[in-house]
């Protein structure tokens, strides 16, 4: 069963909250989040209530400081469980909105999208199998965007302000 524990202070100190499912508003349980233990499952943490703002995708493990999950600050206001993190994995990228233009199919992580894609922009995509994370920069750095099975006609549909994608990672359930 999925479970994540949020702590207000670094190194798993201070007030804590055990969460076992999606939560649109964590603020009534904790006021800030400086460390997290993921006991089971993959989760996406959001900077704002109602699954809005910056996204941080984390899997099983201990994160003693918000920078360990590439957080920009100690704001975690909502979270949800990531489903569909099992094989097979297949993703199709398009260089134009609405699945137009050149496309590229992926079945594995890409540390730098420019290895196989001449541009750093992805305008639309189809997640055919599995769940994926788009990172703003190469080497799995920068803003993160969770993409679960489905169609994304425009980069704004996965929450991005710009179509810049530097690297892509599969979410693999252990």
N, C-alpha and C. Protein backbone atom coordinates (compact mmCIF):
# COMPACT_ATOMS: atom_id res chain seq x y z
N UNK A 1 0.84 -1.19 0.00
CA UNK A 1 0.00 0.00 0.00
C UNK A 1 0.88 1.25 0.00
N UNK A 2 0.53 2.22 -0.83
CA UNK A 2 1.29 3.45 -0.94
C UNK A 2 1.24 4.25 0.37
N UNK A 3 2.40 4.85 0.71
CA UNK A 3 2.46 5.69 1.91
C UNK A 3 3.63 6.66 1.80
N UNK A 4 3.37 7.91 2.18
CA UNK A 4 4.39 8.95 2.22
C UNK A 4 4.23 9.70 3.54
N UNK A 5 5.36 10.06 4.15
CA UNK A 5 5.32 10.81 5.42
C UNK A 5 6.01 12.15 5.19
N UNK A 6 5.28 13.22 5.47
CA UNK A 6 5.80 14.58 5.34
C UNK A 6 6.25 15.09 6.70
N UNK A 7 7.37 15.79 6.72
CA UNK A 7 7.90 16.39 7.96
C UNK A 7 8.10 17.89 7.74
N UNK A 8 7.74 18.67 8.74
CA UNK A 8 7.89 20.12 8.61
C UNK A 8 9.35 20.56 8.61
N UNK A 9 10.22 19.84 9.32
CA UNK A 9 11.63 20.24 9.43
C UNK A 9 12.54 19.26 8.70
N UNK A 10 13.76 19.70 8.47
CA UNK A 10 14.77 18.84 7.83
C UNK A 10 15.09 17.65 8.71
N UNK A 11 15.67 16.63 8.08
CA UNK A 11 16.12 15.42 8.79
C UNK A 11 15.00 14.73 9.57
N UNK A 12 13.78 14.78 9.01
CA UNK A 12 12.63 14.04 9.55
C UNK A 12 12.28 14.48 10.97
N UNK A 13 12.37 15.76 11.20
CA UNK A 13 12.07 16.34 12.52
C UNK A 13 10.80 17.18 12.43
N UNK A 14 10.30 17.54 13.60
CA UNK A 14 9.12 18.41 13.66
C UNK A 14 7.83 17.65 13.42
N UNK A 15 6.78 18.41 13.26
CA UNK A 15 5.46 17.85 13.02
C UNK A 15 5.49 17.01 11.74
N UNK A 16 4.78 15.87 11.77
CA UNK A 16 4.74 15.00 10.60
C UNK A 16 3.29 14.66 10.25
N UNK A 17 3.13 14.18 9.02
CA UNK A 17 1.81 13.76 8.55
C UNK A 17 1.98 12.53 7.66
N UNK A 18 1.30 11.43 8.01
CA UNK A 18 1.29 10.20 7.21
C UNK A 18 0.17 10.30 6.18
N UNK A 19 0.51 10.11 4.92
CA UNK A 19 -0.47 10.24 3.84
C UNK A 19 -0.50 8.93 3.06
N UNK A 20 -1.70 8.41 2.80
CA UNK A 20 -1.84 7.13 2.11
C UNK A 20 -2.61 7.25 0.80
N UNK A 21 -2.86 8.48 0.36
CA UNK A 21 -3.59 8.67 -0.89
C UNK A 21 -3.52 10.11 -1.35
N UNK A 22 -4.21 10.39 -2.42
CA UNK A 22 -4.22 11.74 -2.99
C UNK A 22 -4.73 12.74 -1.96
N UNK A 23 -4.12 13.92 -1.95
CA UNK A 23 -4.54 14.98 -1.04
C UNK A 23 -4.43 16.32 -1.77
N UNK A 24 -5.56 16.98 -1.97
CA UNK A 24 -5.60 18.26 -2.68
C UNK A 24 -5.18 19.42 -1.80
N UNK A 25 -5.17 19.20 -0.45
CA UNK A 25 -4.81 20.29 0.46
C UNK A 25 -4.10 19.73 1.69
N UNK A 26 -2.78 19.77 1.68
CA UNK A 26 -1.98 19.29 2.81
C UNK A 26 -1.81 20.34 3.90
N UNK A 27 -2.16 21.58 3.61
CA UNK A 27 -1.89 22.68 4.53
C UNK A 27 -2.62 22.54 5.86
N UNK A 28 -3.71 21.81 5.90
CA UNK A 28 -4.40 21.62 7.18
C UNK A 28 -3.67 20.61 8.07
N UNK A 29 -2.69 19.87 7.50
CA UNK A 29 -1.92 18.90 8.26
C UNK A 29 -0.51 19.38 8.58
N UNK A 30 0.14 20.04 7.62
CA UNK A 30 1.49 20.57 7.82
C UNK A 30 1.57 21.96 7.17
N UNK A 31 2.37 22.83 7.73
CA UNK A 31 2.47 24.20 7.21
C UNK A 31 3.60 24.37 6.21
N UNK A 32 4.61 23.52 6.31
CA UNK A 32 5.74 23.53 5.38
C UNK A 32 6.24 22.09 5.28
N UNK A 33 7.12 21.84 4.32
CA UNK A 33 7.65 20.48 4.15
C UNK A 33 9.13 20.57 3.82
N UNK A 34 9.96 20.09 4.74
CA UNK A 34 11.41 20.13 4.54
C UNK A 34 12.02 18.74 4.38
N UNK A 35 11.28 17.69 4.70
CA UNK A 35 11.78 16.33 4.48
C UNK A 35 10.61 15.37 4.29
N UNK A 36 10.91 14.25 3.62
CA UNK A 36 9.87 13.29 3.24
C UNK A 36 10.45 11.88 3.27
N UNK A 37 9.64 10.93 3.71
CA UNK A 37 9.96 9.51 3.58
C UNK A 37 8.86 8.88 2.73
N UNK A 38 9.27 8.27 1.60
CA UNK A 38 8.33 7.55 0.76
C UNK A 38 8.49 6.08 1.10
N UNK A 39 7.51 5.53 1.78
CA UNK A 39 7.59 4.13 2.20
C UNK A 39 7.14 3.17 1.11
N UNK A 40 6.24 3.63 0.23
CA UNK A 40 5.78 2.78 -0.88
C UNK A 40 5.14 3.65 -1.94
N UNK A 41 5.35 3.27 -3.19
CA UNK A 41 4.72 3.94 -4.32
C UNK A 41 5.53 5.11 -4.86
N UNK A 42 5.06 5.62 -5.99
CA UNK A 42 5.61 6.82 -6.61
C UNK A 42 4.58 7.93 -6.44
N UNK A 43 5.07 9.13 -6.16
CA UNK A 43 4.21 10.26 -5.84
C UNK A 43 4.61 11.48 -6.64
N UNK A 44 3.65 12.35 -6.89
CA UNK A 44 3.96 13.67 -7.41
C UNK A 44 3.51 14.68 -6.35
N UNK A 45 4.45 15.53 -5.96
CA UNK A 45 4.19 16.59 -4.99
C UNK A 45 3.99 17.88 -5.76
N UNK A 46 3.07 18.71 -5.29
CA UNK A 46 2.78 19.98 -5.96
C UNK A 46 3.02 21.13 -4.99
N UNK A 47 3.52 22.22 -5.53
CA UNK A 47 3.82 23.41 -4.73
C UNK A 47 2.55 24.10 -4.23
N UNK A 48 1.45 23.94 -4.95
CA UNK A 48 0.20 24.62 -4.60
C UNK A 48 -0.92 23.61 -4.35
N UNK A 49 -1.99 24.08 -3.72
CA UNK A 49 -3.18 23.26 -3.51
C UNK A 49 -3.77 22.82 -4.84
N UNK A 50 -4.59 21.81 -4.78
CA UNK A 50 -5.35 21.33 -5.93
C UNK A 50 -4.47 20.91 -7.11
N UNK A 51 -3.30 20.34 -6.80
CA UNK A 51 -2.42 19.75 -7.81
C UNK A 51 -1.95 20.78 -8.85
N UNK A 52 -1.56 21.94 -8.34
CA UNK A 52 -1.10 23.03 -9.21
C UNK A 52 0.33 23.43 -8.82
N UNK A 53 0.96 24.21 -9.68
CA UNK A 53 2.30 24.72 -9.41
C UNK A 53 3.38 23.73 -9.78
N UNK A 54 4.60 24.00 -9.30
CA UNK A 54 5.72 23.12 -9.60
C UNK A 54 5.41 21.71 -9.17
N UNK A 55 5.90 20.74 -9.97
CA UNK A 55 5.70 19.32 -9.68
C UNK A 55 7.04 18.70 -9.32
N UNK A 56 7.00 17.79 -8.35
CA UNK A 56 8.19 17.04 -7.96
C UNK A 56 7.80 15.57 -7.90
N UNK A 57 8.43 14.75 -8.71
CA UNK A 57 8.14 13.33 -8.76
C UNK A 57 9.16 12.59 -7.92
N UNK A 58 8.68 11.82 -6.94
CA UNK A 58 9.60 11.09 -6.07
C UNK A 58 9.12 9.65 -5.86
N UNK A 59 10.09 8.77 -5.68
CA UNK A 59 9.80 7.36 -5.46
C UNK A 59 10.28 6.92 -4.10
N UNK A 60 10.22 5.61 -3.83
CA UNK A 60 10.60 5.10 -2.52
C UNK A 60 11.99 5.57 -2.08
N UNK A 61 12.07 5.99 -0.82
CA UNK A 61 13.34 6.46 -0.28
C UNK A 61 13.14 7.55 0.75
N UNK A 62 14.26 8.03 1.26
CA UNK A 62 14.25 9.09 2.28
C UNK A 62 14.88 10.34 1.70
N UNK A 63 14.21 11.46 1.89
CA UNK A 63 14.64 12.76 1.37
C UNK A 63 14.72 13.70 2.57
N UNK A 64 15.93 13.89 3.12
CA UNK A 64 16.08 14.62 4.38
C UNK A 64 16.05 16.14 4.23
N UNK A 65 15.94 16.62 2.99
CA UNK A 65 15.91 18.05 2.71
C UNK A 65 15.18 18.25 1.39
N UNK A 66 14.41 19.32 1.27
CA UNK A 66 13.63 19.50 0.05
C UNK A 66 14.48 19.58 -1.22
N UNK A 67 15.75 19.94 -1.11
CA UNK A 67 16.61 19.98 -2.29
C UNK A 67 16.91 18.57 -2.82
N UNK A 68 16.72 17.53 -1.99
CA UNK A 68 16.95 16.15 -2.41
C UNK A 68 15.95 15.70 -3.46
N UNK A 69 14.75 16.31 -3.47
CA UNK A 69 13.78 16.00 -4.52
C UNK A 69 13.71 17.14 -5.54
N UNK A 70 14.77 17.96 -5.57
CA UNK A 70 14.92 19.08 -6.49
C UNK A 70 13.88 20.16 -6.23
N UNK A 71 13.45 20.27 -4.97
CA UNK A 71 12.49 21.30 -4.61
C UNK A 71 13.12 22.69 -4.64
N UNK A 72 12.30 23.68 -4.99
CA UNK A 72 12.76 25.07 -5.01
C UNK A 72 12.59 25.73 -3.64
N UNK A 73 11.69 25.18 -2.81
CA UNK A 73 11.42 25.73 -1.48
C UNK A 73 10.70 24.67 -0.64
N UNK A 74 10.26 25.06 0.54
CA UNK A 74 9.62 24.09 1.45
C UNK A 74 8.10 24.04 1.30
N UNK A 75 7.58 24.47 0.17
CA UNK A 75 6.13 24.45 -0.09
C UNK A 75 5.72 23.16 -0.80
N UNK A 76 4.99 22.33 -0.09
CA UNK A 76 4.31 21.18 -0.69
C UNK A 76 2.89 21.28 -0.18
N UNK A 77 1.96 21.57 -1.06
CA UNK A 77 0.57 21.84 -0.66
C UNK A 77 -0.41 20.76 -1.09
N UNK A 78 -0.01 19.89 -2.05
CA UNK A 78 -0.87 18.79 -2.45
C UNK A 78 -0.01 17.66 -3.01
N UNK A 79 -0.58 16.47 -3.06
CA UNK A 79 0.16 15.31 -3.58
C UNK A 79 -0.82 14.29 -4.13
N UNK A 80 -0.29 13.44 -4.99
CA UNK A 80 -1.11 12.33 -5.47
C UNK A 80 -0.23 11.15 -5.85
N UNK A 81 -0.83 9.98 -5.82
CA UNK A 81 -0.15 8.74 -6.18
C UNK A 81 -0.07 8.64 -7.69
N UNK A 82 1.06 8.19 -8.19
CA UNK A 82 1.22 7.96 -9.63
C UNK A 82 0.82 6.53 -9.93
N UNK A 83 -0.10 6.40 -10.84
CA UNK A 83 -0.55 5.08 -11.26
C UNK A 83 0.12 4.74 -12.59
N UNK A 84 0.03 3.51 -13.00
CA UNK A 84 0.53 3.10 -14.31
C UNK A 84 2.04 3.23 -14.42
N UNK A 85 2.77 2.84 -13.37
CA UNK A 85 4.24 2.89 -13.40
C UNK A 85 4.82 1.50 -13.67
N UNK A 86 4.12 0.73 -14.47
CA UNK A 86 4.58 -0.62 -14.79
C UNK A 86 4.84 -0.74 -16.29
N UNK A 87 5.71 -1.68 -16.64
CA UNK A 87 6.04 -1.92 -18.06
C UNK A 87 4.80 -2.43 -18.78
N UNK A 88 4.73 -2.25 -20.10
CA UNK A 88 5.73 -1.65 -20.98
C UNK A 88 5.68 -0.12 -20.93
N UNK A 89 6.68 0.49 -21.56
CA UNK A 89 6.80 1.95 -21.58
C UNK A 89 6.94 2.40 -23.03
N UNK A 90 6.07 3.32 -23.44
CA UNK A 90 6.16 3.83 -24.81
C UNK A 90 5.61 5.26 -24.85
N UNK A 91 6.38 6.14 -25.51
CA UNK A 91 6.05 7.55 -25.60
C UNK A 91 6.33 8.03 -27.01
N UNK A 92 5.45 8.85 -27.57
CA UNK A 92 5.68 9.43 -28.90
C UNK A 92 5.67 10.95 -28.77
N UNK A 93 6.77 11.58 -29.20
CA UNK A 93 6.94 13.03 -29.17
C UNK A 93 6.63 13.61 -30.54
N UNK A 94 6.13 14.86 -30.56
CA UNK A 94 5.85 15.56 -31.81
C UNK A 94 6.43 16.97 -31.72
N UNK A 95 6.93 17.47 -32.85
CA UNK A 95 7.53 18.81 -32.83
C UNK A 95 6.53 19.92 -33.13
N UNK A 96 5.25 19.57 -33.28
CA UNK A 96 4.20 20.56 -33.49
C UNK A 96 2.99 20.22 -32.61
N UNK A 97 2.17 21.21 -32.30
CA UNK A 97 0.95 20.91 -31.54
C UNK A 97 0.03 19.95 -32.30
N UNK A 98 -0.88 19.34 -31.59
CA UNK A 98 -1.91 18.45 -32.16
C UNK A 98 -1.33 17.27 -32.93
N UNK A 99 -0.18 16.76 -32.47
CA UNK A 99 0.43 15.54 -33.01
C UNK A 99 0.83 15.68 -34.48
N UNK A 100 1.25 16.88 -34.85
CA UNK A 100 1.70 17.14 -36.21
C UNK A 100 3.22 17.20 -36.27
N UNK A 101 3.74 17.19 -37.49
CA UNK A 101 5.17 17.35 -37.70
C UNK A 101 5.94 16.06 -37.50
N UNK A 102 7.23 16.21 -37.28
CA UNK A 102 8.09 15.05 -37.05
C UNK A 102 7.79 14.43 -35.70
N UNK A 103 7.99 13.12 -35.62
CA UNK A 103 7.75 12.43 -34.36
C UNK A 103 8.91 11.50 -34.02
N UNK A 104 8.97 11.16 -32.77
CA UNK A 104 9.99 10.24 -32.26
C UNK A 104 9.34 9.36 -31.21
N UNK A 105 9.56 8.05 -31.31
CA UNK A 105 9.01 7.12 -30.32
C UNK A 105 10.12 6.70 -29.36
N UNK A 106 9.81 6.72 -28.07
CA UNK A 106 10.77 6.34 -27.03
C UNK A 106 10.25 5.17 -26.22
N UNK A 107 11.19 4.33 -25.78
CA UNK A 107 10.87 3.23 -24.88
C UNK A 107 11.85 3.18 -23.71
N UNK A 108 12.71 4.20 -23.61
CA UNK A 108 13.70 4.24 -22.52
C UNK A 108 14.02 5.69 -22.17
N UNK A 109 14.72 5.87 -21.04
CA UNK A 109 15.13 7.20 -20.59
C UNK A 109 16.01 7.88 -21.63
N UNK A 110 15.97 9.21 -21.63
CA UNK A 110 16.88 10.00 -22.46
C UNK A 110 17.51 11.08 -21.58
N UNK A 111 18.81 10.94 -21.34
CA UNK A 111 19.55 11.90 -20.51
C UNK A 111 19.61 13.28 -21.15
N UNK A 112 19.64 13.29 -22.47
CA UNK A 112 19.60 14.54 -23.23
C UNK A 112 18.74 14.30 -24.46
N UNK A 113 17.66 15.02 -24.55
CA UNK A 113 16.73 14.82 -25.66
C UNK A 113 17.39 15.09 -27.00
N UNK A 114 18.42 15.94 -27.01
CA UNK A 114 19.08 16.29 -28.26
C UNK A 114 19.94 15.15 -28.81
N UNK A 115 20.07 14.04 -28.07
CA UNK A 115 20.77 12.86 -28.59
C UNK A 115 20.04 12.29 -29.81
N UNK A 116 18.69 12.34 -29.76
CA UNK A 116 17.89 11.75 -30.84
C UNK A 116 16.93 12.73 -31.48
N UNK A 117 16.79 13.90 -30.91
CA UNK A 117 15.82 14.89 -31.34
C UNK A 117 16.60 16.17 -31.61
N UNK A 118 16.49 16.72 -32.78
CA UNK A 118 17.32 17.87 -33.15
C UNK A 118 16.96 19.16 -32.42
N UNK A 119 15.84 19.19 -31.79
CA UNK A 119 15.41 20.39 -31.08
C UNK A 119 15.14 20.08 -29.62
N UNK A 120 15.03 21.10 -28.80
CA UNK A 120 14.71 20.89 -27.38
C UNK A 120 13.26 21.18 -27.09
N UNK A 121 12.46 21.32 -28.12
CA UNK A 121 11.04 21.61 -27.93
C UNK A 121 10.19 20.41 -28.28
N UNK A 122 9.25 20.11 -27.41
CA UNK A 122 8.25 19.09 -27.66
C UNK A 122 6.92 19.82 -27.57
N UNK A 123 6.19 19.89 -28.67
CA UNK A 123 4.95 20.65 -28.71
C UNK A 123 3.73 19.82 -28.33
N UNK A 124 3.80 18.50 -28.56
CA UNK A 124 2.70 17.61 -28.18
C UNK A 124 3.27 16.20 -28.05
N UNK A 125 2.52 15.33 -27.38
CA UNK A 125 2.99 13.95 -27.23
C UNK A 125 1.83 13.02 -26.87
N UNK A 126 2.09 11.75 -27.09
CA UNK A 126 1.15 10.70 -26.69
C UNK A 126 1.90 9.73 -25.80
N UNK A 127 1.39 9.53 -24.59
CA UNK A 127 1.94 8.51 -23.70
C UNK A 127 1.13 7.25 -23.98
N UNK A 128 1.76 6.32 -24.67
CA UNK A 128 1.08 5.10 -25.10
C UNK A 128 1.08 4.04 -24.00
N UNK A 129 2.17 3.99 -23.22
CA UNK A 129 2.29 3.02 -22.13
C UNK A 129 3.14 3.63 -21.02
N UNK A 130 2.79 3.34 -19.77
CA UNK A 130 3.60 3.77 -18.63
C UNK A 130 3.38 5.21 -18.24
N UNK A 131 4.21 5.68 -17.32
CA UNK A 131 4.23 7.06 -16.85
C UNK A 131 5.64 7.61 -17.01
N UNK A 132 5.75 8.89 -17.37
CA UNK A 132 7.02 9.51 -17.73
C UNK A 132 7.17 10.85 -17.04
N UNK A 133 8.42 11.30 -16.90
CA UNK A 133 8.71 12.63 -16.38
C UNK A 133 9.49 13.39 -17.44
N UNK A 134 9.00 14.58 -17.78
CA UNK A 134 9.77 15.50 -18.62
C UNK A 134 10.52 16.43 -17.69
N UNK A 135 11.80 16.66 -17.97
CA UNK A 135 12.63 17.61 -17.23
C UNK A 135 12.97 18.77 -18.15
N UNK A 136 13.03 19.94 -17.58
CA UNK A 136 13.31 21.15 -18.34
C UNK A 136 14.72 21.16 -18.94
N UNK A 137 15.68 20.52 -18.25
CA UNK A 137 17.08 20.54 -18.67
C UNK A 137 17.62 19.11 -18.86
N UNK A 138 18.74 18.96 -19.58
CA UNK A 138 19.38 17.64 -19.68
C UNK A 138 19.80 17.11 -18.31
N UNK A 139 20.12 15.84 -18.25
CA UNK A 139 20.58 15.16 -17.03
C UNK A 139 19.54 15.17 -15.91
N UNK A 140 18.27 15.17 -16.29
CA UNK A 140 17.15 15.05 -15.35
C UNK A 140 17.16 16.17 -14.31
N UNK A 141 17.32 17.41 -14.78
CA UNK A 141 17.36 18.59 -13.91
C UNK A 141 16.29 19.60 -14.32
N UNK A 142 16.00 20.51 -13.40
CA UNK A 142 15.05 21.59 -13.67
C UNK A 142 13.63 21.20 -13.35
N UNK A 143 12.71 22.00 -13.83
CA UNK A 143 11.29 21.73 -13.58
C UNK A 143 10.92 20.36 -14.11
N UNK A 144 9.98 19.73 -13.41
CA UNK A 144 9.53 18.38 -13.76
C UNK A 144 8.05 18.42 -14.14
N UNK A 145 7.69 17.55 -15.07
CA UNK A 145 6.29 17.43 -15.48
C UNK A 145 5.94 15.96 -15.60
N UNK A 146 4.93 15.55 -14.87
CA UNK A 146 4.46 14.17 -14.92
C UNK A 146 3.53 14.01 -16.11
N UNK A 147 3.76 12.95 -16.88
CA UNK A 147 2.87 12.61 -17.98
C UNK A 147 2.46 11.15 -17.82
N UNK A 148 1.17 10.96 -17.62
CA UNK A 148 0.63 9.62 -17.51
C UNK A 148 -0.05 9.25 -18.82
N UNK A 149 -0.45 8.00 -18.95
CA UNK A 149 -1.03 7.51 -20.19
C UNK A 149 -2.13 8.45 -20.67
N UNK A 150 -2.00 8.85 -21.94
CA UNK A 150 -2.98 9.76 -22.53
C UNK A 150 -2.37 10.61 -23.61
N UNK A 151 -3.17 11.54 -24.13
CA UNK A 151 -2.74 12.41 -25.20
C UNK A 151 -2.63 13.85 -24.70
N UNK A 152 -1.56 14.52 -25.11
CA UNK A 152 -1.29 15.90 -24.73
C UNK A 152 -1.10 16.70 -26.01
N UNK A 153 -2.12 17.42 -26.43
CA UNK A 153 -2.13 18.14 -27.71
C UNK A 153 -1.24 19.38 -27.71
N UNK A 154 -0.90 19.88 -26.52
CA UNK A 154 -0.11 21.11 -26.40
C UNK A 154 0.67 21.03 -25.09
N UNK A 155 1.85 21.63 -25.07
CA UNK A 155 2.68 21.54 -23.85
C UNK A 155 1.97 22.08 -22.61
N UNK A 156 1.04 22.99 -22.77
CA UNK A 156 0.31 23.52 -21.60
C UNK A 156 -0.54 22.43 -20.93
N UNK A 157 -0.89 21.38 -21.65
CA UNK A 157 -1.70 20.30 -21.08
C UNK A 157 -0.93 19.44 -20.09
N UNK A 158 0.40 19.47 -20.12
CA UNK A 158 1.17 18.79 -19.07
C UNK A 158 1.69 19.80 -18.06
N UNK A 159 1.23 21.04 -18.13
CA UNK A 159 1.54 22.05 -17.12
C UNK A 159 2.72 22.95 -17.43
N UNK A 160 3.31 22.82 -18.61
CA UNK A 160 4.49 23.62 -18.96
C UNK A 160 4.08 24.96 -19.57
N UNK A 161 4.84 26.00 -19.22
CA UNK A 161 4.63 27.30 -19.83
C UNK A 161 5.31 27.39 -21.19
N UNK A 162 6.39 26.62 -21.35
CA UNK A 162 7.14 26.58 -22.61
C UNK A 162 7.32 25.12 -23.01
N UNK A 163 7.55 24.85 -24.30
CA UNK A 163 7.70 23.46 -24.76
C UNK A 163 9.11 22.89 -24.59
N UNK A 164 9.94 23.53 -23.79
CA UNK A 164 11.32 23.09 -23.61
C UNK A 164 11.39 21.79 -22.80
N UNK A 165 12.03 20.78 -23.39
CA UNK A 165 12.25 19.51 -22.71
C UNK A 165 13.72 19.15 -22.90
N UNK A 166 14.45 18.95 -21.80
CA UNK A 166 15.87 18.64 -21.88
C UNK A 166 16.18 17.17 -21.71
N UNK A 167 15.35 16.46 -20.91
CA UNK A 167 15.55 15.03 -20.68
C UNK A 167 14.22 14.40 -20.30
N UNK A 168 14.18 13.08 -20.41
CA UNK A 168 12.94 12.33 -20.18
C UNK A 168 13.27 11.06 -19.42
N UNK A 169 12.46 10.76 -18.41
CA UNK A 169 12.71 9.57 -17.57
C UNK A 169 11.40 8.78 -17.41
N UNK A 170 11.52 7.47 -17.43
CA UNK A 170 10.41 6.58 -17.16
C UNK A 170 10.26 6.44 -15.65
N UNK A 171 9.03 6.36 -15.18
CA UNK A 171 8.78 6.05 -13.78
C UNK A 171 8.62 4.54 -13.69
N UNK A 172 9.55 3.91 -13.00
CA UNK A 172 9.56 2.45 -12.87
C UNK A 172 9.23 2.07 -11.45
N UNK A 173 8.15 1.33 -11.29
CA UNK A 173 7.76 0.86 -9.96
C UNK A 173 8.66 -0.29 -9.56
N UNK A 174 9.22 -0.17 -8.37
CA UNK A 174 10.14 -1.22 -7.87
C UNK A 174 9.40 -2.35 -7.24
